[in-house]
Amino acid sequence: MEARSTVGAFQVRDSKLGQASPVFDLAATDFVGLLDATRRG
């Protein structure tokens, strides 16, 4: 997974798919939830 910050949000994509990967725009709170979920497994 790759992520980059934008103003008040984050953009996330699956780096394994390369340039074909869709980019998802997430609010900062949703990005934190995504990180928490990946840490829990």
PDB file of N, CA and C in Angstrom:
ATOM      1  N   MET A   1       0.840  -1.163   0.000  1.00  0.00           N
ATOM      2  CA  MET A   1       0.000   0.000   0.000  1.00  0.00           C
ATOM      3  C   MET A   1       0.894   1.238   0.000  1.00  0.00           C
ATOM      4  N   GLU A   2       0.504   2.190  -0.787  1.00  0.00           N
ATOM      5  CA  GLU A   2       1.156   3.498  -0.792  1.00  0.00           C
ATOM      6  C   GLU A   2       0.124   4.532  -0.392  1.00  0.00           C
ATOM      7  N   ALA A   3       0.574   5.528   0.339  1.00  0.00           N
ATOM      8  CA  ALA A   3      -0.324   6.605   0.749  1.00  0.00           C
ATOM      9  C   ALA A   3       0.399   7.932   0.655  1.00  0.00           C
ATOM     10  N   ARG A   4      -0.358   8.958   0.355  1.00  0.00           N
ATOM     11  CA  ARG A   4       0.195  10.309   0.379  1.00  0.00           C
ATOM     12  C   ARG A   4      -0.856  11.238   0.963  1.00  0.00           C
ATOM     13  N   SER A   5      -0.368  12.253   1.638  1.00  0.00           N
ATOM     14  CA  SER A   5      -1.297  13.186   2.269  1.00  0.00           C
ATOM     15  C   SER A   5      -1.677  14.297   1.301  1.00  0.00           C
ATOM     16  N   THR A   6      -2.903  14.734   1.435  1.00  0.00           N
ATOM     17  CA  THR A   6      -3.409  15.909   0.742  1.00  0.00           C
ATOM     18  C   THR A   6      -3.994  16.801   1.828  1.00  0.00           C
ATOM     19  N   VAL A   7      -4.570  17.896   1.488  1.00  0.00           N
ATOM     20  CA  VAL A   7      -5.122  18.806   2.484  1.00  0.00           C
ATOM     21  C   VAL A   7      -6.275  18.127   3.219  1.00  0.00           C
ATOM     22  N   GLY A   8      -6.033  17.733   4.482  1.00  0.00           N
ATOM     23  CA  GLY A   8      -7.060  17.125   5.318  1.00  0.00           C
ATOM     24  C   GLY A   8      -7.470  15.720   4.940  1.00  0.00           C
ATOM     25  N   ALA A   9      -6.716  15.072   4.054  1.00  0.00           N
ATOM     26  CA  ALA A   9      -7.107  13.741   3.599  1.00  0.00           C
ATOM     27  C   ALA A   9      -5.858  12.960   3.165  1.00  0.00           C
ATOM     28  N   PHE A  10      -6.102  11.741   2.683  1.00  0.00           N
ATOM     29  CA  PHE A  10      -5.027  10.893   2.182  1.00  0.00           C
ATOM     30  C   PHE A  10      -5.493  10.206   0.912  1.00  0.00           C
ATOM     31  N   GLN A  11      -4.555   9.916   0.034  1.00  0.00           N
ATOM     32  CA  GLN A  11      -4.813   9.112  -1.148  1.00  0.00           C
ATOM     33  C   GLN A  11      -4.052   7.804  -0.971  1.00  0.00           C
ATOM     34  N   VAL A  12      -4.739   6.693  -1.247  1.00  0.00           N
ATOM     35  CA  VAL A  12      -4.182   5.362  -1.020  1.00  0.00           C
ATOM     36  C   VAL A  12      -4.323   4.537  -2.290  1.00  0.00           C
ATOM     37  N   ARG A  13      -3.297   3.715  -2.573  1.00  0.00           N
ATOM     38  CA  ARG A  13      -3.385   2.787  -3.710  1.00  0.00           C
ATOM     39  C   ARG A  13      -2.605   1.531  -3.385  1.00  0.00           C
ATOM     40  N   ASP A  14      -2.882   0.469  -4.131  1.00  0.00           N
ATOM     41  CA  ASP A  14      -2.182  -0.805  -3.976  1.00  0.00           C
ATOM     42  C   ASP A  14      -0.943  -0.771  -4.857  1.00  0.00           C
ATOM     43  N   SER A  15       0.210  -0.638  -4.255  1.00  0.00           N
ATOM     44  CA  SER A  15       1.446  -0.501  -5.019  1.00  0.00           C
ATOM     45  C   SER A  15       1.797  -1.759  -5.811  1.00  0.00           C
ATOM     46  N   LYS A  16       1.256  -2.914  -5.414  1.00  0.00           N
ATOM     47  CA  LYS A  16       1.541  -4.150  -6.146  1.00  0.00           C
ATOM     48  C   LYS A  16       0.922  -4.132  -7.541  1.00  0.00           C
ATOM     49  N   LEU A  17      -0.118  -3.328  -7.730  1.00  0.00           N
ATOM     50  CA  LEU A  17      -0.772  -3.247  -9.031  1.00  0.00           C
ATOM     51  C   LEU A  17      -0.104  -2.242  -9.961  1.00  0.00           C
ATOM     52  N   GLY A  18       0.841  -1.490  -9.437  1.00  0.00           N
ATOM     53  CA  GLY A  18       1.544  -0.507 -10.257  1.00  0.00           C
ATOM     54  C   GLY A  18       0.635   0.623 -10.688  1.00  0.00           C
ATOM     55  N   GLN A  19       0.899   1.142 -11.854  1.00  0.00           N
ATOM     56  CA  GLN A  19       0.142   2.291 -12.346  1.00  0.00           C
ATOM     57  C   GLN A  19      -1.325   1.967 -12.632  1.00  0.00           C
ATOM     58  N   ALA A  20      -1.681   0.695 -12.723  1.00  0.00           N
ATOM     59  CA  ALA A  20      -3.063   0.299 -12.982  1.00  0.00           C
ATOM     60  C   ALA A  20      -3.934   0.379 -11.729  1.00  0.00           C
ATOM     61  N   SER A  21      -3.334   0.605 -10.574  1.00  0.00           N
ATOM     62  CA  SER A  21      -4.084   0.631  -9.326  1.00  0.00           C
ATOM     63  C   SER A  21      -4.964   1.867  -9.235  1.00  0.00           C
ATOM     64  N   PRO A  22      -6.230   1.686  -8.836  1.00  0.00           N
ATOM     65  CA  PRO A  22      -7.057   2.872  -8.582  1.00  0.00           C
ATOM     66  C   PRO A  22      -6.548   3.601  -7.338  1.00  0.00           C
ATOM     67  N   VAL A  23      -6.799   4.882  -7.282  1.00  0.00           N
ATOM     68  CA  VAL A  23      -6.411   5.699  -6.133  1.00  0.00           C
ATOM     69  C   VAL A  23      -7.677   6.035  -5.361  1.00  0.00           C
ATOM     70  N   PHE A  24      -7.665   5.766  -4.065  1.00  0.00           N
ATOM     71  CA  PHE A  24      -8.810   6.029  -3.206  1.00  0.00           C
ATOM     72  C   PHE A  24      -8.529   7.245  -2.344  1.00  0.00           C
ATOM     73  N   ASP A  25      -9.471   8.170  -2.316  1.00  0.00           N
ATOM     74  CA  ASP A  25      -9.373   9.347  -1.461  1.00  0.00           C
ATOM     75  C   ASP A  25     -10.054   9.043  -0.136  1.00  0.00           C
ATOM     76  N   LEU A  26      -9.313   9.195   0.962  1.00  0.00           N
ATOM     77  CA  LEU A  26      -9.850   8.916   2.290  1.00  0.00           C
ATOM     78  C   LEU A  26      -9.717  10.138   3.178  1.00  0.00           C
ATOM     79  N   ALA A  27     -10.760  10.391   3.966  1.00  0.00           N
ATOM     80  CA  ALA A  27     -10.651  11.419   4.995  1.00  0.00           C
ATOM     81  C   ALA A  27      -9.606  10.964   6.002  1.00  0.00           C
ATOM     82  N   ALA A  28      -9.016  11.895   6.713  1.00  0.00           N
ATOM     83  CA  ALA A  28      -7.965  11.556   7.674  1.00  0.00           C
ATOM     84  C   ALA A  28      -8.453  10.529   8.694  1.00  0.00           C
ATOM     85  N   THR A  29      -9.672  10.655   9.182  1.00  0.00           N
ATOM     86  CA  THR A  29     -10.199   9.704  10.168  1.00  0.00           C
ATOM     87  C   THR A  29     -10.358   8.313   9.566  1.00  0.00           C
ATOM     88  N   ASP A  30     -10.750   8.238   8.305  1.00  0.00           N
ATOM     89  CA  ASP A  30     -10.873   6.934   7.645  1.00  0.00           C
ATOM     90  C   ASP A  30      -9.502   6.296   7.429  1.00  0.00           C
ATOM     91  N   PHE A  31      -8.500   7.102   7.117  1.00  0.00           N
ATOM     92  CA  PHE A  31      -7.148   6.586   6.938  1.00  0.00           C
ATOM     93  C   PHE A  31      -6.616   6.013   8.250  1.00  0.00           C
ATOM     94  N   VAL A  32      -6.859   6.711   9.350  1.00  0.00           N
ATOM     95  CA  VAL A  32      -6.444   6.205  10.664  1.00  0.00           C
ATOM     96  C   VAL A  32      -7.146   4.876  10.948  1.00  0.00           C
ATOM     97  N   GLY A  33      -8.427   4.772  10.618  1.00  0.00           N
ATOM     98  CA  GLY A  33      -9.152   3.514  10.792  1.00  0.00           C
ATOM     99  C   GLY A  33      -8.566   2.397   9.950  1.00  0.00           C
ATOM    100  N   LEU A  34      -8.163   2.708   8.726  1.00  0.00           N
ATOM    101  CA  LEU A  34      -7.533   1.714   7.858  1.00  0.00           C
ATOM    102  C   LEU A  34      -6.226   1.223   8.460  1.00  0.00           C
ATOM    103  N   LEU A  35      -5.415   2.144   8.959  1.00  0.00           N
ATOM    104  CA  LEU A  35      -4.155   1.737   9.585  1.00  0.00           C
ATOM    105  C   LEU A  35      -4.397   0.878  10.826  1.00  0.00           C
ATOM    106  N   ASP A  36      -5.366   1.251  11.637  1.00  0.00           N
ATOM    107  CA  ASP A  36      -5.695   0.456  12.831  1.00  0.00           C
ATOM    108  C   ASP A  36      -6.138  -0.944  12.427  1.00  0.00           C
ATOM    109  N   ALA A  37      -6.957  -1.059  11.400  1.00  0.00           N
ATOM    110  CA  ALA A  37      -7.445  -2.363  10.948  1.00  0.00           C
ATOM    111  C   ALA A  37      -6.304  -3.240  10.435  1.00  0.00           C
ATOM    112  N   THR A  38      -5.339  -2.645   9.733  1.00  0.00           N
ATOM    113  CA  THR A  38      -4.228  -3.454   9.223  1.00  0.00           C
ATOM    114  C   THR A  38      -3.310  -3.904  10.351  1.00  0.00           C
ATOM    115  N   ARG A  39      -3.194  -3.099  11.391  1.00  0.00           N
ATOM    116  CA  ARG A  39      -2.369  -3.500  12.533  1.00  0.00           C
ATOM    117  C   ARG A  39      -2.992  -4.671  13.292  1.00  0.00           C
ATOM    118  N   ARG A  40      -4.301  -4.711  13.355  1.00  0.00           N
ATOM    119  CA  ARG A  40      -5.002  -5.787  14.057  1.00  0.00           C
ATOM    120  C   ARG A  40      -4.998  -7.085  13.255  1.00  0.00           C
ATOM    121  N   GLY A  41      -4.767  -6.970  11.976  1.00  0.00           N
ATOM    122  CA  GLY A  41      -4.710  -8.159  11.130  1.00  0.00           C
ATOM    123  C   GLY A  41      -5.997  -8.410  10.523  1.00  0.00           C
TER     124      GLY A  41
END
